[in-house]
Amino acid sequence: SFMATNRVVSINSINWARIMVQSAYYFWAYLQLRPEVDGEVHFVVPTG
């Protein structure tokens, strides 16, 4: 009731849109290293 009445949202990574946008830099970084899309790239990510 409180959420609907006050139109509450979050924009930390609880919010799906944050994950959607962050996925984009994996695409960009991968394509700098493998522009022909001809193999794998490993990613190392600090995580909380």
ModelCIF file with pLDDT and N, C-alpha, C, O atoms, coordinates in Angstrom:
data_MODEL
#
_entry.id   MODEL 
#
_entity.id                         1 
_entity.type                       polymer 
_entity.pdbx_number_of_molecules   1 
#
_entity_poly.entity_id                      1 
_entity_poly.type                           'polypeptide(L)' 
_entity_poly.nstd_linkage                   no 
_entity_poly.nstd_monomer                   no 
_entity_poly.pdbx_seq_one_letter_code       SFMATNRVVSINSINWARIMVQSAYYFWAYLQLRPEVDGEVHFVVPTG 
_entity_poly.pdbx_seq_one_letter_code_can   SFMATNRVVSINSINWARIMVQSAYYFWAYLQLRPEVDGEVHFVVPTG 
_entity_poly.pdbx_strand_id                 A 
#
loop_
_entity_poly_seq.entity_id 
_entity_poly_seq.num 
_entity_poly_seq.mon_id 
_entity_poly_seq.hetero 
1 1  SER n 
1 2  PHE n 
1 3  MET n 
1 4  ALA n 
1 5  THR n 
1 6  ASN n 
1 7  ARG n 
1 8  VAL n 
1 9  VAL n 
1 10 SER n 
1 11 ILE n 
1 12 ASN n 
1 13 SER n 
1 14 ILE n 
1 15 ASN n 
1 16 TRP n 
1 17 ALA n 
1 18 ARG n 
1 19 ILE n 
1 20 MET n 
1 21 VAL n 
1 22 GLN n 
1 23 SER n 
1 24 ALA n 
1 25 TYR n 
1 26 TYR n 
1 27 PHE n 
1 28 TRP n 
1 29 ALA n 
1 30 TYR n 
1 31 LEU n 
1 32 GLN n 
1 33 LEU n 
1 34 ARG n 
1 35 PRO n 
1 36 GLU n 
1 37 VAL n 
1 38 ASP n 
1 39 GLY n 
1 40 GLU n 
1 41 VAL n 
1 42 HIS n 
1 43 PHE n 
1 44 VAL n 
1 45 VAL n 
1 46 PRO n 
1 47 THR n 
1 48 GLY n 
#
_struct_asym.id          A 
_struct_asym.entity_id   1 
#
loop_
_ma_qa_metric.id 
_ma_qa_metric.mode 
_ma_qa_metric.name 
_ma_qa_metric.software_group_id 
_ma_qa_metric.type 
1 global pLDDT . pLDDT 
2 local  pLDDT . pLDDT 
#
_ma_qa_metric_global.metric_id      1 
_ma_qa_metric_global.metric_value   94.33 
_ma_qa_metric_global.model_id       1 
_ma_qa_metric_global.ordinal_id     1 
#
loop_
_ma_qa_metric_local.label_asym_id 
_ma_qa_metric_local.label_comp_id 
_ma_qa_metric_local.label_seq_id 
_ma_qa_metric_local.metric_id 
_ma_qa_metric_local.metric_value 
_ma_qa_metric_local.model_id 
_ma_qa_metric_local.ordinal_id 
A SER 1  2 95.00 1 1  
A PHE 2  2 95.00 1 2  
A MET 3  2 94.00 1 3  
A ALA 4  2 92.00 1 4  
A THR 5  2 93.00 1 5  
A ASN 6  2 94.00 1 6  
A ARG 7  2 93.00 1 7  
A VAL 8  2 93.00 1 8  
A VAL 9  2 89.00 1 9  
A SER 10 2 84.00 1 10 
A ILE 11 2 84.00 1 11 
A ASN 12 2 77.00 1 12 
A SER 13 2 79.00 1 13 
A ILE 14 2 81.00 1 14 
A ASN 15 2 88.00 1 15 
A TRP 16 2 93.00 1 16 
A ALA 17 2 94.00 1 17 
A ARG 18 2 93.00 1 18 
A ILE 19 2 95.00 1 19 
A MET 20 2 97.00 1 20 
A VAL 21 2 97.00 1 21 
A GLN 22 2 96.00 1 22 
A SER 23 2 98.00 1 23 
A ALA 24 2 98.00 1 24 
A TYR 25 2 97.00 1 25 
A TYR 26 2 98.00 1 26 
A PHE 27 2 98.00 1 27 
A TRP 28 2 98.00 1 28 
A ALA 29 2 98.00 1 29 
A TYR 30 2 98.00 1 30 
A LEU 31 2 98.00 1 31 
A GLN 32 2 98.00 1 32 
A LEU 33 2 98.00 1 33 
A ARG 34 2 98.00 1 34 
A PRO 35 2 98.00 1 35 
A GLU 36 2 98.00 1 36 
A VAL 37 2 98.00 1 37 
A ASP 38 2 96.00 1 38 
A GLY 39 2 96.00 1 39 
A GLU 40 2 97.00 1 40 
A VAL 41 2 98.00 1 41 
A HIS 42 2 98.00 1 42 
A PHE 43 2 98.00 1 43 
A VAL 44 2 98.00 1 44 
A VAL 45 2 98.00 1 45 
A PRO 46 2 97.00 1 46 
A THR 47 2 95.00 1 47 
A GLY 48 2 92.00 1 48 
#
loop_
_atom_site.group_PDB 
_atom_site.id 
_atom_site.type_symbol 
_atom_site.label_atom_id 
_atom_site.label_alt_id 
_atom_site.label_comp_id 
_atom_site.label_asym_id 
_atom_site.label_entity_id 
_atom_site.label_seq_id 
_atom_site.pdbx_PDB_ins_code 
_atom_site.Cartn_x 
_atom_site.Cartn_y 
_atom_site.Cartn_z 
_atom_site.occupancy 
_atom_site.B_iso_or_equiv 
_atom_site.pdbx_formal_charge 
_atom_site.auth_seq_id 
_atom_site.auth_comp_id 
_atom_site.auth_asym_id 
_atom_site.auth_atom_id 
_atom_site.pdbx_PDB_model_num 
ATOM 1   N N  . SER A 1 1  ? 0.828  -1.205  0.000   1.00 95.00 ? 1  SER A N  1 
ATOM 2   C CA . SER A 1 1  ? 0.000  0.000   0.000   1.00 95.00 ? 1  SER A CA 1 
ATOM 3   C C  . SER A 1 1  ? 0.866  1.260   0.000   1.00 95.00 ? 1  SER A C  1 
ATOM 4   O O  . SER A 1 1  ? 0.617  2.192   -0.765  1.00 95.00 ? 1  SER A O  1 
ATOM 5   N N  . PHE A 1 2  ? 1.887  1.281   0.867   1.00 95.00 ? 2  PHE A N  1 
ATOM 6   C CA . PHE A 1 2  ? 2.787  2.429   0.927   1.00 95.00 ? 2  PHE A CA 1 
ATOM 7   C C  . PHE A 1 2  ? 3.525  2.601   -0.400  1.00 95.00 ? 2  PHE A C  1 
ATOM 8   O O  . PHE A 1 2  ? 3.646  3.716   -0.908  1.00 95.00 ? 2  PHE A O  1 
ATOM 9   N N  . MET A 1 3  ? 4.013  1.502   -0.953  1.00 94.00 ? 3  MET A N  1 
ATOM 10  C CA . MET A 1 3  ? 4.761  1.557   -2.209  1.00 94.00 ? 3  MET A CA 1 
ATOM 11  C C  . MET A 1 3  ? 3.909  2.139   -3.335  1.00 94.00 ? 3  MET A C  1 
ATOM 12  O O  . MET A 1 3  ? 4.374  2.987   -4.097  1.00 94.00 ? 3  MET A O  1 
ATOM 13  N N  . ALA A 1 4  ? 2.659  1.680   -3.436  1.00 92.00 ? 4  ALA A N  1 
ATOM 14  C CA . ALA A 1 4  ? 1.797  2.137   -4.524  1.00 92.00 ? 4  ALA A CA 1 
ATOM 15  C C  . ALA A 1 4  ? 1.367  3.583   -4.318  1.00 92.00 ? 4  ALA A C  1 
ATOM 16  O O  . ALA A 1 4  ? 1.374  4.375   -5.261  1.00 92.00 ? 4  ALA A O  1 
ATOM 17  N N  . THR A 1 5  ? 0.997  3.927   -3.099  1.00 93.00 ? 5  THR A N  1 
ATOM 18  C CA . THR A 1 5  ? 0.524  5.285   -2.815  1.00 93.00 ? 5  THR A CA 1 
ATOM 19  C C  . THR A 1 5  ? 1.607  6.320   -3.078  1.00 93.00 ? 5  THR A C  1 
ATOM 20  O O  . THR A 1 5  ? 1.329  7.416   -3.564  1.00 93.00 ? 5  THR A O  1 
ATOM 21  N N  . ASN A 1 6  ? 2.848  5.961   -2.750  1.00 94.00 ? 6  ASN A N  1 
ATOM 22  C CA . ASN A 1 6  ? 3.951  6.922   -2.856  1.00 94.00 ? 6  ASN A CA 1 
ATOM 23  C C  . ASN A 1 6  ? 4.845  6.694   -4.065  1.00 94.00 ? 6  ASN A C  1 
ATOM 24  O O  . ASN A 1 6  ? 5.865  7.366   -4.219  1.00 94.00 ? 6  ASN A O  1 
ATOM 25  N N  . ARG A 1 7  ? 4.471  5.752   -4.924  1.00 93.00 ? 7  ARG A N  1 
ATOM 26  C CA . ARG A 1 7  ? 5.241  5.444   -6.138  1.00 93.00 ? 7  ARG A CA 1 
ATOM 27  C C  . ARG A 1 7  ? 6.740  5.330   -5.810  1.00 93.00 ? 7  ARG A C  1 
ATOM 28  O O  . ARG A 1 7  ? 7.567  6.099   -6.303  1.00 93.00 ? 7  ARG A O  1 
ATOM 29  N N  . VAL A 1 8  ? 7.054  4.350   -4.966  1.00 93.00 ? 8  VAL A N  1 
ATOM 30  C CA . VAL A 1 8  ? 8.426  4.149   -4.512  1.00 93.00 ? 8  VAL A CA 1 
ATOM 31  C C  . VAL A 1 8  ? 9.170  3.244   -5.492  1.00 93.00 ? 8  VAL A C  1 
ATOM 32  O O  . VAL A 1 8  ? 8.644  2.218   -5.926  1.00 93.00 ? 8  VAL A O  1 
ATOM 33  N N  . VAL A 1 9  ? 10.385 3.631   -5.833  1.00 89.00 ? 9  VAL A N  1 
ATOM 34  C CA . VAL A 1 9  ? 11.262 2.797   -6.670  1.00 89.00 ? 9  VAL A CA 1 
ATOM 35  C C  . VAL A 1 9  ? 12.654 2.814   -6.047  1.00 89.00 ? 9  VAL A C  1 
ATOM 36  O O  . VAL A 1 9  ? 12.940 3.610   -5.152  1.00 89.00 ? 9  VAL A O  1 
ATOM 37  N N  . SER A 1 10 ? 13.505 1.930   -6.532  1.00 84.00 ? 10 SER A N  1 
ATOM 38  C CA . SER A 1 10 ? 14.908 1.952   -6.138  1.00 84.00 ? 10 SER A CA 1 
ATOM 39  C C  . SER A 1 10 ? 15.763 1.957   -7.390  1.00 84.00 ? 10 SER A C  1 
ATOM 40  O O  . SER A 1 10 ? 15.375 1.382   -8.407  1.00 84.00 ? 10 SER A O  1 
ATOM 41  N N  . ILE A 1 11 ? 16.923 2.599   -7.329  1.00 84.00 ? 11 ILE A N  1 
ATOM 42  C CA . ILE A 1 11 ? 17.823 2.528   -8.477  1.00 84.00 ? 11 ILE A CA 1 
ATOM 43  C C  . ILE A 1 11 ? 19.205 2.033   -8.055  1.00 84.00 ? 11 ILE A C  1 
ATOM 44  O O  . ILE A 1 11 ? 20.210 2.356   -8.690  1.00 84.00 ? 11 ILE A O  1 
ATOM 45  N N  . ASN A 1 12 ? 19.245 1.241   -6.970  1.00 77.00 ? 12 ASN A N  1 
ATOM 46  C CA . ASN A 1 12 ? 20.459 0.453   -6.790  1.00 77.00 ? 12 ASN A CA 1 
ATOM 47  C C  . ASN A 1 12 ? 20.267 -0.832  -7.592  1.00 77.00 ? 12 ASN A C  1 
ATOM 48  O O  . ASN A 1 12 ? 19.321 -0.932  -8.374  1.00 77.00 ? 12 ASN A O  1 
ATOM 49  N N  . SER A 1 13 ? 21.138 -1.805  -7.412  1.00 79.00 ? 13 SER A N  1 
ATOM 50  C CA . SER A 1 13 ? 21.051 -2.965  -8.306  1.00 79.00 ? 13 SER A CA 1 
ATOM 51  C C  . SER A 1 13 ? 19.905 -3.897  -7.958  1.00 79.00 ? 13 SER A C  1 
ATOM 52  O O  . SER A 1 13 ? 19.769 -4.952  -8.577  1.00 79.00 ? 13 SER A O  1 
ATOM 53  N N  . ILE A 1 14 ? 19.054 -3.530  -6.960  1.00 81.00 ? 14 ILE A N  1 
ATOM 54  C CA . ILE A 1 14 ? 17.760 -4.202  -6.832  1.00 81.00 ? 14 ILE A CA 1 
ATOM 55  C C  . ILE A 1 14 ? 16.946 -3.963  -8.097  1.00 81.00 ? 14 ILE A C  1 
ATOM 56  O O  . ILE A 1 14 ? 16.166 -4.815  -8.521  1.00 81.00 ? 14 ILE A O  1 
ATOM 57  N N  . ASN A 1 15 ? 17.142 -2.782  -8.695  1.00 88.00 ? 15 ASN A N  1 
ATOM 58  C CA . ASN A 1 15 ? 16.404 -2.385  -9.891  1.00 88.00 ? 15 ASN A CA 1 
ATOM 59  C C  . ASN A 1 15 ? 16.991 -3.104  -11.110 1.00 88.00 ? 15 ASN A C  1 
ATOM 60  O O  . ASN A 1 15 ? 18.183 -2.989  -11.393 1.00 88.00 ? 15 ASN A O  1 
ATOM 61  N N  . TRP A 1 16 ? 16.147 -3.839  -11.821 1.00 93.00 ? 16 TRP A N  1 
ATOM 62  C CA . TRP A 1 16 ? 16.613 -4.603  -12.977 1.00 93.00 ? 16 TRP A CA 1 
ATOM 63  C C  . TRP A 1 16 ? 17.307 -3.721  -14.006 1.00 93.00 ? 16 TRP A C  1 
ATOM 64  O O  . TRP A 1 16 ? 18.268 -4.156  -14.641 1.00 93.00 ? 16 TRP A O  1 
ATOM 65  N N  . ALA A 1 17 ? 16.832 -2.481  -14.184 1.00 94.00 ? 17 ALA A N  1 
ATOM 66  C CA . ALA A 1 17 ? 17.406 -1.619  -15.224 1.00 94.00 ? 17 ALA A CA 1 
ATOM 67  C C  . ALA A 1 17 ? 18.896 -1.376  -14.993 1.00 94.00 ? 17 ALA A C  1 
ATOM 68  O O  . ALA A 1 17 ? 19.647 -1.215  -15.955 1.00 94.00 ? 17 ALA A O  1 
ATOM 69  N N  . ARG A 1 18 ? 19.339 -1.346  -13.719 1.00 93.00 ? 18 ARG A N  1 
ATOM 70  C CA . ARG A 1 18 ? 20.765 -1.201  -13.455 1.00 93.00 ? 18 ARG A CA 1 
ATOM 71  C C  . ARG A 1 18 ? 21.552 -2.361  -14.052 1.00 93.00 ? 18 ARG A C  1 
ATOM 72  O O  . ARG A 1 18 ? 22.603 -2.156  -14.658 1.00 93.00 ? 18 ARG A O  1 
ATOM 73  N N  . ILE A 1 19 ? 21.046 -3.572  -13.882 1.00 95.00 ? 19 ILE A N  1 
ATOM 74  C CA . ILE A 1 19 ? 21.733 -4.747  -14.425 1.00 95.00 ? 19 ILE A CA 1 
ATOM 75  C C  . ILE A 1 19 ? 21.755 -4.674  -15.946 1.00 95.00 ? 19 ILE A C  1 
ATOM 76  O O  . ILE A 1 19 ? 22.779 -4.959  -16.567 1.00 95.00 ? 19 ILE A O  1 
ATOM 77  N N  . MET A 1 20 ? 20.638 -4.296  -16.545 1.00 97.00 ? 20 MET A N  1 
ATOM 78  C CA . MET A 1 20 ? 20.535 -4.162  -17.997 1.00 97.00 ? 20 MET A CA 1 
ATOM 79  C C  . MET A 1 20 ? 21.617 -3.228  -18.534 1.00 97.00 ? 20 MET A C  1 
ATOM 80  O O  . MET A 1 20 ? 22.318 -3.566  -19.487 1.00 97.00 ? 20 MET A O  1 
ATOM 81  N N  . VAL A 1 21 ? 21.749 -2.058  -17.920 1.00 97.00 ? 21 VAL A N  1 
ATOM 82  C CA . VAL A 1 21 ? 22.719 -1.075  -18.405 1.00 97.00 ? 21 VAL A CA 1 
ATOM 83  C C  . VAL A 1 21 ? 24.141 -1.561  -18.177 1.00 97.00 ? 21 VAL A C  1 
ATOM 84  O O  . VAL A 1 21 ? 24.995 -1.406  -19.050 1.00 97.00 ? 21 VAL A O  1 
ATOM 85  N N  . GLN A 1 22 ? 24.409 -2.152  -17.006 1.00 96.00 ? 22 GLN A N  1 
ATOM 86  C CA . GLN A 1 22 ? 25.764 -2.617  -16.727 1.00 96.00 ? 22 GLN A CA 1 
ATOM 87  C C  . GLN A 1 22 ? 26.187 -3.737  -17.665 1.00 96.00 ? 22 GLN A C  1 
ATOM 88  O O  . GLN A 1 22 ? 27.378 -3.896  -17.929 1.00 96.00 ? 22 GLN A O  1 
ATOM 89  N N  . SER A 1 23 ? 25.247 -4.508  -18.170 1.00 98.00 ? 23 SER A N  1 
ATOM 90  C CA . SER A 1 23 ? 25.624 -5.561  -19.123 1.00 98.00 ? 23 SER A CA 1 
ATOM 91  C C  . SER A 1 23 ? 26.236 -4.972  -20.380 1.00 98.00 ? 23 SER A C  1 
ATOM 92  O O  . SER A 1 23 ? 27.003 -5.642  -21.071 1.00 98.00 ? 23 SER A O  1 
ATOM 93  N N  . ALA A 1 24 ? 25.898 -3.703  -20.687 1.00 98.00 ? 24 ALA A N  1 
ATOM 94  C CA . ALA A 1 24 ? 26.340 -3.098  -21.947 1.00 98.00 ? 24 ALA A CA 1 
ATOM 95  C C  . ALA A 1 24 ? 27.846 -2.946  -22.008 1.00 98.00 ? 24 ALA A C  1 
ATOM 96  O O  . ALA A 1 24 ? 28.429 -3.109  -23.080 1.00 98.00 ? 24 ALA A O  1 
ATOM 97  N N  . TYR A 1 25 ? 28.510 -2.635  -20.874 1.00 97.00 ? 25 TYR A N  1 
ATOM 98  C CA . TYR A 1 25 ? 29.954 -2.432  -21.002 1.00 97.00 ? 25 TYR A CA 1 
ATOM 99  C C  . TYR A 1 25 ? 30.707 -3.746  -21.151 1.00 97.00 ? 25 TYR A C  1 
ATOM 100 O O  . TYR A 1 25 ? 31.865 -3.745  -21.568 1.00 97.00 ? 25 TYR A O  1 
ATOM 101 N N  . TYR A 1 26 ? 30.082 -4.850  -20.822 1.00 98.00 ? 26 TYR A N  1 
ATOM 102 C CA . TYR A 1 26 ? 30.695 -6.139  -21.165 1.00 98.00 ? 26 TYR A CA 1 
ATOM 103 C C  . TYR A 1 26 ? 30.721 -6.312  -22.684 1.00 98.00 ? 26 TYR A C  1 
ATOM 104 O O  . TYR A 1 26 ? 31.717 -6.761  -23.251 1.00 98.00 ? 26 TYR A O  1 
ATOM 105 N N  . PHE A 1 27 ? 29.613 -5.950  -23.336 1.00 98.00 ? 27 PHE A N  1 
ATOM 106 C CA . PHE A 1 27 ? 29.583 -6.028  -24.798 1.00 98.00 ? 27 PHE A CA 1 
ATOM 107 C C  . PHE A 1 27 ? 30.668 -5.140  -25.405 1.00 98.00 ? 27 PHE A C  1 
ATOM 108 O O  . PHE A 1 27 ? 31.422 -5.582  -26.272 1.00 98.00 ? 27 PHE A O  1 
ATOM 109 N N  . TRP A 1 28 ? 30.746 -3.881  -24.946 1.00 98.00 ? 28 TRP A N  1 
ATOM 110 C CA . TRP A 1 28 ? 31.697 -2.946  -25.544 1.00 98.00 ? 28 TRP A CA 1 
ATOM 111 C C  . TRP A 1 28 ? 33.139 -3.406  -25.313 1.00 98.00 ? 28 TRP A C  1 
ATOM 112 O O  . TRP A 1 28 ? 33.940 -3.420  -26.248 1.00 98.00 ? 28 TRP A O  1 
ATOM 113 N N  . ALA A 1 29 ? 33.475 -3.785  -24.071 1.00 98.00 ? 29 ALA A N  1 
ATOM 114 C CA . ALA A 1 29 ? 34.844 -4.201  -23.769 1.00 98.00 ? 29 ALA A CA 1 
ATOM 115 C C  . ALA A 1 29 ? 35.217 -5.455  -24.557 1.00 98.00 ? 29 ALA A C  1 
ATOM 116 O O  . ALA A 1 29 ? 36.314 -5.552  -25.108 1.00 98.00 ? 29 ALA A O  1 
ATOM 117 N N  . TYR A 1 30 ? 34.280 -6.425  -24.604 1.00 98.00 ? 30 TYR A N  1 
ATOM 118 C CA . TYR A 1 30 ? 34.557 -7.646  -25.370 1.00 98.00 ? 30 TYR A CA 1 
ATOM 119 C C  . TYR A 1 30 ? 34.901 -7.301  -26.819 1.00 98.00 ? 30 TYR A C  1 
ATOM 120 O O  . TYR A 1 30 ? 35.852 -7.851  -27.375 1.00 98.00 ? 30 TYR A O  1 
ATOM 121 N N  . LEU A 1 31 ? 34.145 -6.409  -27.427 1.00 98.00 ? 31 LEU A N  1 
ATOM 122 C CA . LEU A 1 31 ? 34.329 -6.099  -28.849 1.00 98.00 ? 31 LEU A CA 1 
ATOM 123 C C  . LEU A 1 31 ? 35.608 -5.323  -29.111 1.00 98.00 ? 31 LEU A C  1 
ATOM 124 O O  . LEU A 1 31 ? 36.101 -5.322  -30.239 1.00 98.00 ? 31 LEU A O  1 
ATOM 125 N N  . GLN A 1 32 ? 36.157 -4.663  -28.098 1.00 98.00 ? 32 GLN A N  1 
ATOM 126 C CA . GLN A 1 32 ? 37.472 -4.037  -28.277 1.00 98.00 ? 32 GLN A CA 1 
ATOM 127 C C  . GLN A 1 32 ? 38.572 -5.091  -28.346 1.00 98.00 ? 32 GLN A C  1 
ATOM 128 O O  . GLN A 1 32 ? 39.591 -4.898  -29.010 1.00 98.00 ? 32 GLN A O  1 
ATOM 129 N N  . LEU A 1 33 ? 38.353 -6.208  -27.651 1.00 98.00 ? 33 LEU A N  1 
ATOM 130 C CA . LEU A 1 33 ? 39.370 -7.256  -27.590 1.00 98.00 ? 33 LEU A CA 1 
ATOM 131 C C  . LEU A 1 33 ? 39.148 -8.354  -28.624 1.00 98.00 ? 33 LEU A C  1 
ATOM 132 O O  . LEU A 1 33 ? 40.104 -9.005  -29.046 1.00 98.00 ? 33 LEU A O  1 
ATOM 133 N N  . ARG A 1 34 ? 37.916 -8.564  -29.032 1.00 98.00 ? 34 ARG A N  1 
ATOM 134 C CA . ARG A 1 34 ? 37.573 -9.603  -30.008 1.00 98.00 ? 34 ARG A CA 1 
ATOM 135 C C  . ARG A 1 34 ? 36.598 -9.035  -31.054 1.00 98.00 ? 34 ARG A C  1 
ATOM 136 O O  . ARG A 1 34 ? 35.457 -9.490  -31.126 1.00 98.00 ? 34 ARG A O  1 
ATOM 137 N N  . PRO A 1 35 ? 37.020 -8.053  -31.865 1.00 98.00 ? 35 PRO A N  1 
ATOM 138 C CA . PRO A 1 35 ? 36.087 -7.428  -32.811 1.00 98.00 ? 35 PRO A CA 1 
ATOM 139 C C  . PRO A 1 35 ? 35.507 -8.396  -33.833 1.00 98.00 ? 35 PRO A C  1 
ATOM 140 O O  . PRO A 1 35 ? 34.439 -8.139  -34.387 1.00 98.00 ? 35 PRO A O  1 
ATOM 141 N N  . GLU A 1 36 ? 36.187 -9.495  -34.089 1.00 98.00 ? 36 GLU A N  1 
ATOM 142 C CA . GLU A 1 36 ? 35.682 -10.500 -35.025 1.00 98.00 ? 36 GLU A CA 1 
ATOM 143 C C  . GLU A 1 36 ? 34.797 -11.532 -34.335 1.00 98.00 ? 36 GLU A C  1 
ATOM 144 O O  . GLU A 1 36 ? 34.296 -12.456 -34.976 1.00 98.00 ? 36 GLU A O  1 
ATOM 145 N N  . VAL A 1 37 ? 34.608 -11.371 -33.022 1.00 98.00 ? 37 VAL A N  1 
ATOM 146 C CA . VAL A 1 37 ? 33.788 -12.294 -32.232 1.00 98.00 ? 37 VAL A CA 1 
ATOM 147 C C  . VAL A 1 37 ? 34.259 -13.734 -32.480 1.00 98.00 ? 37 VAL A C  1 
ATOM 148 O O  . VAL A 1 37 ? 33.468 -14.623 -32.795 1.00 98.00 ? 37 VAL A O  1 
ATOM 149 N N  . ASP A 1 38 ? 35.569 -13.929 -32.329 1.00 96.00 ? 38 ASP A N  1 
ATOM 150 C CA . ASP A 1 38 ? 36.198 -15.199 -32.698 1.00 96.00 ? 38 ASP A CA 1 
ATOM 151 C C  . ASP A 1 38 ? 36.801 -15.938 -31.508 1.00 96.00 ? 38 ASP A C  1 
ATOM 152 O O  . ASP A 1 38 ? 37.718 -16.739 -31.688 1.00 96.00 ? 38 ASP A O  1 
ATOM 153 N N  . GLY A 1 39 ? 36.310 -15.691 -30.311 1.00 96.00 ? 39 GLY A N  1 
ATOM 154 C CA . GLY A 1 39 ? 36.825 -16.396 -29.147 1.00 96.00 ? 39 GLY A CA 1 
ATOM 155 C C  . GLY A 1 39 ? 36.298 -15.783 -27.866 1.00 96.00 ? 39 GLY A C  1 
ATOM 156 O O  . GLY A 1 39 ? 35.508 -14.840 -27.886 1.00 96.00 ? 39 GLY A O  1 
ATOM 157 N N  . GLU A 1 40 ? 36.748 -16.333 -26.756 1.00 97.00 ? 40 GLU A N  1 
ATOM 158 C CA . GLU A 1 40 ? 36.260 -15.905 -25.458 1.00 97.00 ? 40 GLU A CA 1 
ATOM 159 C C  . GLU A 1 40 ? 37.075 -14.746 -24.888 1.00 97.00 ? 40 GLU A C  1 
ATOM 160 O O  . GLU A 1 40 ? 38.217 -14.512 -25.286 1.00 97.00 ? 40 GLU A O  1 
ATOM 161 N N  . VAL A 1 41 ? 36.464 -14.029 -23.950 1.00 98.00 ? 41 VAL A N  1 
ATOM 162 C CA . VAL A 1 41 ? 37.141 -13.069 -23.066 1.00 98.00 ? 41 VAL A CA 1 
ATOM 163 C C  . VAL A 1 41 ? 36.697 -13.394 -21.647 1.00 98.00 ? 41 VAL A C  1 
ATOM 164 O O  . VAL A 1 41 ? 35.508 -13.581 -21.387 1.00 98.00 ? 41 VAL A O  1 
ATOM 165 N N  . HIS A 1 42 ? 37.660 -13.461 -20.731 1.00 98.00 ? 42 HIS A N  1 
ATOM 166 C CA . HIS A 1 42 ? 37.339 -13.652 -19.321 1.00 98.00 ? 42 HIS A CA 1 
ATOM 167 C C  . HIS A 1 42 ? 37.254 -12.288 -18.637 1.00 98.00 ? 42 HIS A C  1 
ATOM 168 O O  . HIS A 1 42 ? 38.013 -11.378 -18.970 1.00 98.00 ? 42 HIS A O  1 
ATOM 169 N N  . PHE A 1 43 ? 36.339 -12.145 -17.687 1.00 98.00 ? 43 PHE A N  1 
ATOM 170 C CA . PHE A 1 43 ? 36.199 -10.902 -16.937 1.00 98.00 ? 43 PHE A CA 1 
ATOM 171 C C  . PHE A 1 43 ? 36.422 -11.167 -15.447 1.00 98.00 ? 43 PHE A C  1 
ATOM 172 O O  . PHE A 1 43 ? 35.994 -12.187 -14.908 1.00 98.00 ? 43 PHE A O  1 
ATOM 173 N N  . VAL A 1 44 ? 37.105 -10.220 -14.799 1.00 98.00 ? 44 VAL A N  1 
ATOM 174 C CA . VAL A 1 44 ? 37.341 -10.293 -13.358 1.00 98.00 ? 44 VAL A CA 1 
ATOM 175 C C  . VAL A 1 44 ? 36.622 -9.112  -12.720 1.00 98.00 ? 44 VAL A C  1 
ATOM 176 O O  . VAL A 1 44 ? 36.852 -7.963  -13.098 1.00 98.00 ? 44 VAL A O  1 
ATOM 177 N N  . VAL A 1 45 ? 35.747 -9.393  -11.748 1.00 98.00 ? 45 VAL A N  1 
ATOM 178 C CA . VAL A 1 45 ? 34.851 -8.374  -11.219 1.00 98.00 ? 45 VAL A CA 1 
ATOM 179 C C  . VAL A 1 45 ? 34.912 -8.353  -9.694  1.00 98.00 ? 45 VAL A C  1 
ATOM 180 O O  . VAL A 1 45 ? 34.613 -9.365  -9.059  1.00 98.00 ? 45 VAL A O  1 
ATOM 181 N N  . PRO A 1 46 ? 35.297 -7.213  -9.086  1.00 97.00 ? 46 PRO A N  1 
ATOM 182 C CA . PRO A 1 46 ? 35.118 -7.087  -7.626  1.00 97.00 ? 46 PRO A CA 1 
ATOM 183 C C  . PRO A 1 46 ? 33.621 -7.103  -7.320  1.00 97.00 ? 46 PRO A C  1 
ATOM 184 O O  . PRO A 1 46 ? 32.844 -6.451  -8.017  1.00 97.00 ? 46 PRO A O  1 
ATOM 185 N N  . THR A 1 47 ? 33.213 -7.832  -6.296  1.00 95.00 ? 47 THR A N  1 
ATOM 186 C CA . THR A 1 47 ? 31.773 -7.971  -6.096  1.00 95.00 ? 47 THR A CA 1 
ATOM 187 C C  . THR A 1 47 ? 31.373 -7.867  -4.637  1.00 95.00 ? 47 THR A C  1 
ATOM 188 O O  . THR A 1 47 ? 32.056 -8.365  -3.743  1.00 95.00 ? 47 THR A O  1 
ATOM 189 N N  . GLY A 1 48 ? 30.226 -7.194  -4.421  1.00 92.00 ? 48 GLY A N  1 
ATOM 190 C CA . GLY A 1 48 ? 29.617 -7.109  -3.102  1.00 92.00 ? 48 GLY A CA 1 
ATOM 191 C C  . GLY A 1 48 ? 28.223 -7.691  -3.149  1.00 92.00 ? 48 GLY A C  1 
ATOM 192 O O  . GLY A 1 48 ? 27.530 -7.716  -2.132  1.00 92.00 ? 48 GLY A O  1 
#
